[in-house]
Amino acid sequence: MNICFLMYSWEKVVPESDTTLRIIHECVRRGHRVAITHPNNLTIRHSATHAFCKIIQPQEKDTRDTERFFRKIEFKEQMLPLSGFDAIFMRVNPPLDPIMLNFMDSVKNDTFILNTVDGLRRASNKLYTAAFHESCREFIPVTHVSKNKDYLRRIIEESDQERMILKPLNGLAGRGVIVIEKHARQNVKSLLHFYVDGTAGSSGSNYVILQEYIEGAEAGDVRILMLNGEAIGAMRRVPAEGDFRSNIHAGGQAVKHVLTPEERRLCRKIGPKLVADGLYFVGLDVVNGKLLEVNVCSPGGITRINRLNRVRLQELVVDFIEDEVAQRESAAQRKSRLRAEVAQA
């Protein structure tokens, strides 16, 4: 199998914890040809989408140690047509570049892409969760999304809750997430001006989210990894002292977690929608059975969940990719045989 990882900069890979690196390593261990590239490397040549790729070269000795693999990795650089890959794994951090998605539109019918281009376009920010299907409403906290400051201020004033969550629509890794206390409403106008208008003062440029505060959020959240609509692993993320954000990048700590019956029911309920939307590998952020966010661009957590549970979730991910590619090849071969049969009639 030939697989390309369209990902964040290789220089930003943290070998001790990087999920993408674990999946890449598993592909190489199985003998697959692996290339990596970056959105800035996409180009058109002779009316076909190519990318300047770094092709991982075989190592003399196979090892299950991902960090050792990372230290010894060698690349060969070459421009390659994206349609020539059996699979393309999208691992780019948000916010997504719409031009990159336009490039990928040109190859989405030629190769298996996960998550799909249409799925990423639909779900690359928090609006996807906020406007989730009505049948899943019980799992979604009351959410408001707007850039109208007067409306947002009125929502805060009329709320019967003492606390609400305010965060940017396109934020990631817990950046910009704050708790608004009702008794401190004199600060609301200034906060909304900062979040909506931005530091540059460009009037009304940013959407923000106002969300009900889920009791128990101060104790952390649960990250659930979903593969093809099913939960494959989870961990609880506990905030650092003096912080309510549980994101690992914000200083949170990962601890072992077994899914509750309520969390399993949530996964069963939304799993089919994720698959229907072309979102095969995602991370769910859950607090007390409420779904806060669906991470679709480059969800992490494999390394920590592996350590906490002595598993290798990357094997399940690569199994899935191999099965999907095999099914596509089988369908193409069957179509070719049937066409030949008709042509010979």
Foldseek 3Di string as FASTA:
>chain_A
DEEEEAADDPVPDDQLFAPVLLLVLVCVLVPYWYKYFYLVQWDADPNFIKGFIWTWDRDPDRDNRSVVCVVPTDTDTDIDGPLPGQEYEFAYADPDDVVSLVNVVRRVVRHHYALGSQLCVQAVWFVPLQPDDPVLVVQAFPKDKDLPLVVVLVCLQPDPDQKKWKAFGGDPLPPRIDIDGSVVSVCSSVSSQCRQCHPVRNRRDTMMMIGHDDPPLQQFWKKFKAAQLATDFIWTWGADPPDSYRRVVNVTDTAHDDDDPLRRVSSNVCSVVCVVSSQGIWIFIHDPSHTRGINRRRDTDQSVRCVNPVDRCSVVVVVVSVVVSVVVVVVVVVVVVVVVVVVVD
